[in-house]
Amino acid sequence: MLIRDATLEDWPAIWPFLRRYIADGETFPWDREASEEQIRVTWFPAPPGRTVVAVDPDGTILGSANITPNHGGAAAHVANASFVVDAGRAGRGVGRALGEHILDRARADGYHAMQFNSVVETNTRAVALWRSLGFDILATVPDAFRHPIDGYVGLHIMYRRL
């Protein structure tokens, strides 16, 4: 699998599986009613943010991730990132490859740490992946996410130094 910088021409391949995760409301704390354009603008952040895609040898986009400063100014040295993998490709190492790539890219871009502000505690696969990549759960905000099946669940704040 190749991981490369994404272009807007990749959006039509990313949108269908990103839309599915947003619509199911189980893992992304984004507005389920947001327009495609609103999500595209968020997924492709302005510099110094960047977006990447994981591509298989035949050119199929398997997943995508983005990285951006978690805050501005004096806190801009801490990165934030979002990840999505085509559900049909889950369990094949795409998320891990994207995670490792984004951590390396963040380090190369001069970030000192990475923080995830809202990892849904019931998203156990993501929590396990981030923990295996060196993230700690700093805190869990109780009842901060309204899960469509499990009701109100916590959001983890996860962090690791680079």
N, C-alpha and C. Protein backbone atom coordinates (compact mmCIF):
# COMPACT_ATOMS: atom_id res chain seq x y z
N MET A 1 0.85 -1.18 0.00
CA MET A 1 0.00 0.00 0.00
C MET A 1 0.89 1.23 0.00
N LEU A 2 0.47 2.21 -0.74
CA LEU A 2 1.16 3.50 -0.84
C LEU A 2 0.36 4.53 -0.06
N ILE A 3 1.05 5.35 0.72
CA ILE A 3 0.39 6.50 1.36
C ILE A 3 1.01 7.73 0.74
N ARG A 4 0.16 8.59 0.21
CA ARG A 4 0.61 9.80 -0.48
C ARG A 4 -0.28 10.97 -0.09
N ASP A 5 0.22 12.17 -0.42
CA ASP A 5 -0.60 13.36 -0.20
C ASP A 5 -1.86 13.25 -1.05
N ALA A 6 -2.97 13.64 -0.46
CA ALA A 6 -4.25 13.62 -1.17
C ALA A 6 -4.41 14.90 -1.97
N THR A 7 -5.21 14.81 -3.02
CA THR A 7 -5.59 15.98 -3.80
C THR A 7 -7.12 16.04 -3.81
N LEU A 8 -7.65 17.15 -4.22
CA LEU A 8 -9.11 17.27 -4.29
C LEU A 8 -9.70 16.27 -5.28
N GLU A 9 -8.90 15.79 -6.23
CA GLU A 9 -9.38 14.77 -7.16
C GLU A 9 -9.64 13.44 -6.44
N ASP A 10 -9.08 13.26 -5.25
CA ASP A 10 -9.32 12.05 -4.46
C ASP A 10 -10.64 12.10 -3.70
N TRP A 11 -11.21 13.28 -3.56
CA TRP A 11 -12.42 13.44 -2.75
C TRP A 11 -13.57 12.51 -3.16
N PRO A 12 -13.87 12.36 -4.45
CA PRO A 12 -14.98 11.47 -4.81
C PRO A 12 -14.80 10.03 -4.33
N ALA A 13 -13.57 9.61 -4.12
CA ALA A 13 -13.33 8.26 -3.59
C ALA A 13 -13.37 8.22 -2.06
N ILE A 14 -13.02 9.31 -1.41
CA ILE A 14 -13.03 9.38 0.06
C ILE A 14 -14.45 9.58 0.58
N TRP A 15 -15.20 10.46 -0.05
CA TRP A 15 -16.50 10.88 0.46
C TRP A 15 -17.46 9.73 0.75
N PRO A 16 -17.60 8.73 -0.10
CA PRO A 16 -18.60 7.70 0.21
C PRO A 16 -18.36 6.98 1.54
N PHE A 17 -17.13 6.62 1.85
CA PHE A 17 -16.94 5.92 3.12
C PHE A 17 -16.86 6.87 4.30
N LEU A 18 -16.39 8.09 4.11
CA LEU A 18 -16.42 9.07 5.19
C LEU A 18 -17.87 9.43 5.52
N ARG A 19 -18.68 9.63 4.48
CA ARG A 19 -20.10 9.94 4.68
C ARG A 19 -20.79 8.85 5.50
N ARG A 20 -20.46 7.60 5.22
CA ARG A 20 -21.09 6.49 5.94
C ARG A 20 -20.79 6.56 7.44
N TYR A 21 -19.52 6.83 7.78
CA TYR A 21 -19.17 6.91 9.20
C TYR A 21 -19.85 8.10 9.88
N ILE A 22 -19.92 9.22 9.19
CA ILE A 22 -20.58 10.38 9.77
C ILE A 22 -22.07 10.10 9.94
N ALA A 23 -22.68 9.53 8.93
CA ALA A 23 -24.13 9.26 8.98
C ALA A 23 -24.49 8.23 10.04
N ASP A 24 -23.63 7.21 10.25
CA ASP A 24 -24.00 6.20 11.25
C ASP A 24 -23.89 6.75 12.67
N GLY A 25 -23.14 7.84 12.85
CA GLY A 25 -23.12 8.54 14.13
C GLY A 25 -22.46 7.80 15.27
N GLU A 26 -21.67 6.77 15.00
CA GLU A 26 -21.09 5.97 16.07
C GLU A 26 -19.65 6.34 16.41
N THR A 27 -18.92 7.00 15.50
CA THR A 27 -17.51 7.24 15.75
C THR A 27 -17.07 8.67 15.53
N PHE A 28 -17.69 9.40 14.63
CA PHE A 28 -17.29 10.78 14.35
C PHE A 28 -18.23 11.73 15.07
N PRO A 29 -17.69 12.68 15.83
CA PRO A 29 -18.54 13.64 16.53
C PRO A 29 -18.90 14.84 15.65
N TRP A 30 -19.07 14.60 14.38
CA TRP A 30 -19.38 15.66 13.44
C TRP A 30 -20.89 15.71 13.21
N ASP A 31 -21.35 16.86 12.81
CA ASP A 31 -22.76 17.07 12.54
C ASP A 31 -23.22 16.13 11.42
N ARG A 32 -24.15 15.25 11.75
CA ARG A 32 -24.64 14.27 10.78
C ARG A 32 -25.40 14.92 9.65
N GLU A 33 -25.80 16.16 9.82
CA GLU A 33 -26.54 16.89 8.78
C GLU A 33 -25.65 17.81 7.97
N ALA A 34 -24.35 17.81 8.23
CA ALA A 34 -23.43 18.69 7.50
C ALA A 34 -23.43 18.33 6.02
N SER A 35 -23.24 19.33 5.20
CA SER A 35 -23.22 19.11 3.75
C SER A 35 -21.89 18.48 3.33
N GLU A 36 -21.91 17.91 2.15
CA GLU A 36 -20.67 17.35 1.60
C GLU A 36 -19.59 18.44 1.53
N GLU A 37 -19.95 19.62 1.12
CA GLU A 37 -18.98 20.71 1.00
C GLU A 37 -18.39 21.07 2.37
N GLN A 38 -19.22 21.12 3.40
CA GLN A 38 -18.72 21.42 4.74
C GLN A 38 -17.72 20.35 5.20
N ILE A 39 -18.02 19.11 4.94
CA ILE A 39 -17.12 18.02 5.34
C ILE A 39 -15.85 18.06 4.51
N ARG A 40 -15.95 18.31 3.22
CA ARG A 40 -14.75 18.38 2.37
C ARG A 40 -13.80 19.45 2.86
N VAL A 41 -14.33 20.61 3.19
CA VAL A 41 -13.49 21.71 3.68
C VAL A 41 -12.79 21.31 4.98
N THR A 42 -13.49 20.59 5.84
CA THR A 42 -12.90 20.11 7.09
C THR A 42 -11.85 19.04 6.82
N TRP A 43 -12.14 18.13 5.89
CA TRP A 43 -11.22 17.01 5.63
C TRP A 43 -9.94 17.47 4.95
N PHE A 44 -10.01 18.56 4.21
CA PHE A 44 -8.82 19.11 3.55
C PHE A 44 -8.48 20.44 4.22
N PRO A 45 -7.83 20.40 5.39
CA PRO A 45 -7.56 21.64 6.11
C PRO A 45 -6.54 22.51 5.37
N ALA A 46 -6.64 23.79 5.60
CA ALA A 46 -5.68 24.74 5.01
C ALA A 46 -4.30 24.50 5.61
N PRO A 47 -3.24 24.83 4.87
CA PRO A 47 -1.88 24.70 5.41
C PRO A 47 -1.76 25.45 6.74
N PRO A 48 -1.05 24.91 7.70
CA PRO A 48 -0.12 23.80 7.57
C PRO A 48 -0.77 22.42 7.63
N GLY A 49 -2.10 22.38 7.65
CA GLY A 49 -2.78 21.09 7.63
C GLY A 49 -2.51 20.36 6.33
N ARG A 50 -2.71 19.07 6.36
CA ARG A 50 -2.51 18.25 5.16
C ARG A 50 -3.39 17.02 5.25
N THR A 51 -3.66 16.44 4.10
CA THR A 51 -4.47 15.24 4.00
C THR A 51 -3.71 14.22 3.18
N VAL A 52 -3.82 12.95 3.60
CA VAL A 52 -3.16 11.86 2.86
C VAL A 52 -4.20 10.79 2.55
N VAL A 53 -3.85 9.93 1.60
CA VAL A 53 -4.67 8.77 1.28
C VAL A 53 -3.78 7.53 1.25
N ALA A 54 -4.37 6.41 1.63
CA ALA A 54 -3.74 5.09 1.49
C ALA A 54 -4.33 4.47 0.23
N VAL A 55 -3.46 4.02 -0.66
CA VAL A 55 -3.88 3.54 -1.97
C VAL A 55 -3.31 2.15 -2.21
N ASP A 56 -4.15 1.24 -2.70
CA ASP A 56 -3.63 -0.09 -3.03
C ASP A 56 -2.99 -0.06 -4.42
N PRO A 57 -2.30 -1.12 -4.82
CA PRO A 57 -1.57 -1.10 -6.09
C PRO A 57 -2.43 -0.81 -7.33
N ASP A 58 -3.72 -1.11 -7.28
CA ASP A 58 -4.55 -0.82 -8.46
C ASP A 58 -5.12 0.60 -8.45
N GLY A 59 -4.72 1.39 -7.44
CA GLY A 59 -5.15 2.79 -7.37
C GLY A 59 -6.38 3.04 -6.51
N THR A 60 -6.97 1.99 -5.94
CA THR A 60 -8.15 2.16 -5.09
C THR A 60 -7.76 2.83 -3.77
N ILE A 61 -8.50 3.85 -3.40
CA ILE A 61 -8.26 4.53 -2.13
C ILE A 61 -8.89 3.70 -1.02
N LEU A 62 -8.05 3.32 -0.06
CA LEU A 62 -8.46 2.45 1.04
C LEU A 62 -8.83 3.23 2.30
N GLY A 63 -8.26 4.38 2.45
CA GLY A 63 -8.49 5.19 3.64
C GLY A 63 -7.83 6.54 3.47
N SER A 64 -8.06 7.40 4.45
CA SER A 64 -7.52 8.75 4.40
C SER A 64 -7.33 9.26 5.82
N ALA A 65 -6.47 10.24 5.95
CA ALA A 65 -6.23 10.88 7.24
C ALA A 65 -5.84 12.32 6.99
N ASN A 66 -6.04 13.15 8.00
CA ASN A 66 -5.57 14.52 7.90
C ASN A 66 -4.88 14.90 9.19
N ILE A 67 -4.08 15.92 9.11
CA ILE A 67 -3.33 16.42 10.25
C ILE A 67 -3.39 17.94 10.21
N THR A 68 -3.52 18.52 11.38
CA THR A 68 -3.61 19.97 11.49
C THR A 68 -3.19 20.35 12.91
N PRO A 69 -2.78 21.59 13.16
CA PRO A 69 -2.51 21.97 14.54
C PRO A 69 -3.78 21.82 15.38
N ASN A 70 -3.62 21.32 16.60
CA ASN A 70 -4.77 21.16 17.49
C ASN A 70 -5.32 22.53 17.91
N HIS A 71 -4.44 23.48 18.09
CA HIS A 71 -4.79 24.87 18.41
C HIS A 71 -3.82 25.76 17.66
N GLY A 72 -4.02 27.05 17.73
CA GLY A 72 -3.12 27.98 17.09
C GLY A 72 -2.15 28.59 18.08
N GLY A 73 -1.42 29.57 17.61
CA GLY A 73 -0.52 30.35 18.46
C GLY A 73 0.47 29.51 19.23
N ALA A 74 0.56 29.78 20.51
CA ALA A 74 1.55 29.12 21.37
C ALA A 74 1.28 27.63 21.58
N ALA A 75 0.15 27.13 21.12
CA ALA A 75 -0.17 25.71 21.24
C ALA A 75 -0.14 24.99 19.90
N ALA A 76 0.34 25.65 18.85
CA ALA A 76 0.31 25.08 17.50
C ALA A 76 1.32 23.96 17.29
N HIS A 77 2.16 23.69 18.27
CA HIS A 77 3.15 22.61 18.15
C HIS A 77 2.55 21.24 18.49
N VAL A 78 1.27 21.20 18.87
CA VAL A 78 0.58 19.94 19.13
C VAL A 78 -0.36 19.68 17.97
N ALA A 79 -0.19 18.54 17.35
CA ALA A 79 -1.00 18.17 16.18
C ALA A 79 -2.30 17.51 16.59
N ASN A 80 -3.24 17.51 15.67
CA ASN A 80 -4.49 16.77 15.79
C ASN A 80 -4.66 16.05 14.46
N ALA A 81 -5.38 14.95 14.47
CA ALA A 81 -5.57 14.21 13.22
C ALA A 81 -6.92 13.51 13.24
N SER A 82 -7.41 13.22 12.05
CA SER A 82 -8.63 12.42 11.86
C SER A 82 -8.33 11.34 10.85
N PHE A 83 -8.99 10.20 11.03
CA PHE A 83 -8.72 9.03 10.20
C PHE A 83 -10.02 8.39 9.76
N VAL A 84 -10.00 7.81 8.55
CA VAL A 84 -11.14 7.03 8.08
C VAL A 84 -10.60 5.95 7.16
N VAL A 85 -11.14 4.74 7.33
CA VAL A 85 -10.78 3.60 6.48
C VAL A 85 -12.07 3.06 5.88
N ASP A 86 -12.03 2.76 4.61
CA ASP A 86 -13.17 2.14 3.95
C ASP A 86 -13.55 0.90 4.76
N ALA A 87 -14.80 0.83 5.20
CA ALA A 87 -15.25 -0.28 6.06
C ALA A 87 -14.99 -1.64 5.42
N GLY A 88 -15.02 -1.71 4.10
CA GLY A 88 -14.75 -2.96 3.42
C GLY A 88 -13.29 -3.37 3.49
N ARG A 89 -12.43 -2.47 3.95
CA ARG A 89 -10.99 -2.75 4.07
C ARG A 89 -10.54 -2.83 5.52
N ALA A 90 -11.47 -2.73 6.46
CA ALA A 90 -11.13 -2.75 7.89
C ALA A 90 -10.46 -4.07 8.26
N GLY A 91 -9.55 -3.98 9.21
CA GLY A 91 -8.86 -5.17 9.71
C GLY A 91 -7.70 -5.62 8.85
N ARG A 92 -7.29 -4.80 7.89
CA ARG A 92 -6.19 -5.18 6.98
C ARG A 92 -4.95 -4.32 7.16
N GLY A 93 -4.90 -3.54 8.25
CA GLY A 93 -3.71 -2.75 8.54
C GLY A 93 -3.70 -1.35 7.94
N VAL A 94 -4.79 -0.95 7.31
CA VAL A 94 -4.82 0.38 6.69
C VAL A 94 -4.78 1.46 7.76
N GLY A 95 -5.58 1.32 8.81
CA GLY A 95 -5.59 2.31 9.88
C GLY A 95 -4.24 2.43 10.57
N ARG A 96 -3.61 1.30 10.83
CA ARG A 96 -2.27 1.32 11.46
C ARG A 96 -1.27 2.01 10.53
N ALA A 97 -1.29 1.68 9.25
CA ALA A 97 -0.36 2.31 8.31
C ALA A 97 -0.58 3.82 8.25
N LEU A 98 -1.85 4.25 8.21
CA LEU A 98 -2.14 5.68 8.22
C LEU A 98 -1.69 6.32 9.52
N GLY A 99 -1.94 5.66 10.64
CA GLY A 99 -1.52 6.19 11.94
C GLY A 99 -0.02 6.36 12.02
N GLU A 100 0.73 5.35 11.62
CA GLU A 100 2.19 5.43 11.65
C GLU A 100 2.69 6.53 10.71
N HIS A 101 2.07 6.62 9.54
CA HIS A 101 2.47 7.65 8.58
C HIS A 101 2.23 9.05 9.13
N ILE A 102 1.07 9.27 9.70
CA ILE A 102 0.73 10.60 10.23
C ILE A 102 1.63 10.96 11.40
N LEU A 103 1.96 10.00 12.24
CA LEU A 103 2.89 10.29 13.35
C LEU A 103 4.26 10.69 12.80
N ASP A 104 4.75 9.97 11.81
CA ASP A 104 6.03 10.32 11.19
C ASP A 104 5.96 11.69 10.52
N ARG A 105 4.87 11.95 9.82
CA ARG A 105 4.70 13.23 9.13
C ARG A 105 4.62 14.37 10.15
N ALA A 106 3.89 14.17 11.23
CA ALA A 106 3.79 15.21 12.26
C ALA A 106 5.17 15.53 12.84
N ARG A 107 5.93 14.50 13.11
CA ARG A 107 7.29 14.69 13.63
C ARG A 107 8.13 15.47 12.62
N ALA A 108 8.07 15.07 11.35
CA ALA A 108 8.84 15.74 10.30
C ALA A 108 8.38 17.19 10.12
N ASP A 109 7.12 17.46 10.34
CA ASP A 109 6.57 18.82 10.20
C ASP A 109 6.88 19.70 11.42
N GLY A 110 7.54 19.13 12.44
CA GLY A 110 7.95 19.92 13.59
C GLY A 110 7.00 19.91 14.77
N TYR A 111 5.94 19.11 14.71
CA TYR A 111 5.06 19.00 15.88
C TYR A 111 5.81 18.26 16.99
N HIS A 112 5.47 18.59 18.24
CA HIS A 112 6.10 17.97 19.39
C HIS A 112 5.24 16.88 20.00
N ALA A 113 3.95 16.89 19.69
CA ALA A 113 3.02 15.92 20.28
C ALA A 113 1.79 15.84 19.39
N MET A 114 0.96 14.84 19.66
CA MET A 114 -0.32 14.71 18.97
C MET A 114 -1.39 14.46 20.02
N GLN A 115 -2.52 15.11 19.83
CA GLN A 115 -3.65 14.97 20.74
C GLN A 115 -4.92 14.71 19.95
N PHE A 116 -5.66 13.72 20.38
CA PHE A 116 -7.00 13.47 19.83
C PHE A 116 -7.99 13.96 20.88
N ASN A 117 -8.86 14.85 20.49
CA ASN A 117 -9.79 15.48 21.43
C ASN A 117 -11.06 14.68 21.67
N SER A 118 -11.36 13.74 20.78
CA SER A 118 -12.66 13.10 20.90
C SER A 118 -12.66 11.70 20.27
N VAL A 119 -12.07 10.76 20.98
CA VAL A 119 -12.13 9.36 20.56
C VAL A 119 -13.29 8.72 21.34
N VAL A 120 -14.30 8.31 20.64
CA VAL A 120 -15.49 7.75 21.29
C VAL A 120 -15.09 6.47 22.02
N GLU A 121 -15.42 6.40 23.31
CA GLU A 121 -14.95 5.28 24.12
C GLU A 121 -15.48 3.93 23.65
N THR A 122 -16.61 3.90 22.97
CA THR A 122 -17.14 2.63 22.46
C THR A 122 -16.47 2.22 21.15
N ASN A 123 -15.65 3.06 20.58
CA ASN A 123 -14.90 2.73 19.36
C ASN A 123 -13.64 1.98 19.79
N THR A 124 -13.83 0.78 20.27
CA THR A 124 -12.75 0.03 20.92
C THR A 124 -11.61 -0.31 19.97
N ARG A 125 -11.91 -0.50 18.68
CA ARG A 125 -10.83 -0.79 17.73
C ARG A 125 -9.90 0.42 17.60
N ALA A 126 -10.47 1.61 17.50
CA ALA A 126 -9.64 2.81 17.40
C ALA A 126 -8.86 3.04 18.69
N VAL A 127 -9.53 2.88 19.83
CA VAL A 127 -8.84 3.07 21.11
C VAL A 127 -7.66 2.11 21.22
N ALA A 128 -7.86 0.85 20.87
CA ALA A 128 -6.78 -0.14 20.93
C ALA A 128 -5.65 0.22 19.96
N LEU A 129 -5.99 0.66 18.76
CA LEU A 129 -4.96 1.05 17.80
C LEU A 129 -4.13 2.20 18.34
N TRP A 130 -4.79 3.26 18.81
CA TRP A 130 -4.04 4.42 19.30
C TRP A 130 -3.20 4.06 20.51
N ARG A 131 -3.70 3.23 21.38
CA ARG A 131 -2.89 2.81 22.54
C ARG A 131 -1.67 2.03 22.06
N SER A 132 -1.85 1.16 21.05
CA SER A 132 -0.72 0.38 20.55
C SER A 132 0.32 1.27 19.86
N LEU A 133 -0.10 2.46 19.42
CA LEU A 133 0.82 3.40 18.81
C LEU A 133 1.36 4.43 19.80
N GLY A 134 1.17 4.16 21.09
CA GLY A 134 1.78 4.98 22.13
C GLY A 134 0.95 6.08 22.72
N PHE A 135 -0.32 6.15 22.39
CA PHE A 135 -1.19 7.17 22.97
C PHE A 135 -1.68 6.74 24.34
N ASP A 136 -1.80 7.70 25.23
CA ASP A 136 -2.40 7.50 26.54
C ASP A 136 -3.75 8.20 26.57
N ILE A 137 -4.66 7.65 27.35
CA ILE A 137 -5.92 8.34 27.61
C ILE A 137 -5.67 9.29 28.77
N LEU A 138 -5.75 10.58 28.49
CA LEU A 138 -5.52 11.57 29.54
C LEU A 138 -6.75 11.75 30.41
N ALA A 139 -7.90 11.69 29.77
CA ALA A 139 -9.16 11.88 30.48
C ALA A 139 -10.28 11.35 29.60
N THR A 140 -11.40 11.09 30.23
CA THR A 140 -12.61 10.74 29.49
C THR A 140 -13.70 11.70 29.95
N VAL A 141 -14.25 12.41 29.00
CA VAL A 141 -15.33 13.34 29.32
C VAL A 141 -16.62 12.51 29.34
N PRO A 142 -17.22 12.34 30.51
CA PRO A 142 -18.40 11.47 30.61
C PRO A 142 -19.58 12.01 29.81
N ASP A 143 -20.30 11.10 29.17
CA ASP A 143 -21.55 11.43 28.48
C ASP A 143 -21.40 12.54 27.44
N ALA A 144 -20.21 12.70 26.85
CA ALA A 144 -19.97 13.80 25.92
C ALA A 144 -20.36 13.46 24.49
N PHE A 145 -20.71 12.21 24.23
CA PHE A 145 -21.05 11.79 22.87
C PHE A 145 -22.38 11.05 22.91
N ARG A 146 -23.30 11.47 22.06
CA ARG A 146 -24.61 10.81 22.01
C ARG A 146 -24.57 9.74 20.92
N HIS A 147 -24.33 8.52 21.36
CA HIS A 147 -24.21 7.36 20.46
C HIS A 147 -25.62 6.91 20.08
N PRO A 148 -25.86 6.61 18.80
CA PRO A 148 -27.22 6.26 18.38
C PRO A 148 -27.74 4.93 18.94
N ILE A 149 -26.85 4.08 19.42
CA ILE A 149 -27.26 2.79 19.98
C ILE A 149 -27.05 2.74 21.49
N ASP A 150 -25.88 3.19 21.93
CA ASP A 150 -25.50 3.07 23.35
C ASP A 150 -25.88 4.27 24.20
N GLY A 151 -26.49 5.27 23.62
CA GLY A 151 -26.84 6.46 24.38
C GLY A 151 -25.62 7.32 24.65
N TYR A 152 -25.64 8.01 25.77
CA TYR A 152 -24.53 8.91 26.10
C TYR A 152 -23.33 8.10 26.57
N VAL A 153 -22.20 8.30 25.88
CA VAL A 153 -20.95 7.62 26.22
C VAL A 153 -19.85 8.68 26.30
N GLY A 154 -18.72 8.26 26.84
CA GLY A 154 -17.61 9.18 27.02
C GLY A 154 -16.78 9.41 25.77
N LEU A 155 -16.09 10.55 25.77
CA LEU A 155 -15.10 10.86 24.75
C LEU A 155 -13.73 10.89 25.42
N HIS A 156 -12.82 10.08 24.90
CA HIS A 156 -11.45 10.07 25.41
C HIS A 156 -10.66 11.23 24.79
N ILE A 157 -9.83 11.83 25.59
CA ILE A 157 -8.78 12.72 25.12
C ILE A 157 -7.51 11.90 25.17
N MET A 158 -6.91 11.67 24.00
CA MET A 158 -5.73 10.82 23.91
C MET A 158 -4.53 11.65 23.44
N TYR A 159 -3.35 11.28 23.92
CA TYR A 159 -2.17 12.12 23.71
C TYR A 159 -0.92 11.25 23.63
N ARG A 160 0.03 11.72 22.83
CA ARG A 160 1.38 11.14 22.87
C ARG A 160 2.39 12.17 22.42
N ARG A 161 3.55 12.11 23.01
CA ARG A 161 4.67 12.94 22.58
C ARG A 161 5.24 12.36 21.30
N LEU A 162 5.81 13.22 20.50
CA LEU A 162 6.47 12.76 19.28
C LEU A 162 7.97 12.80 19.48
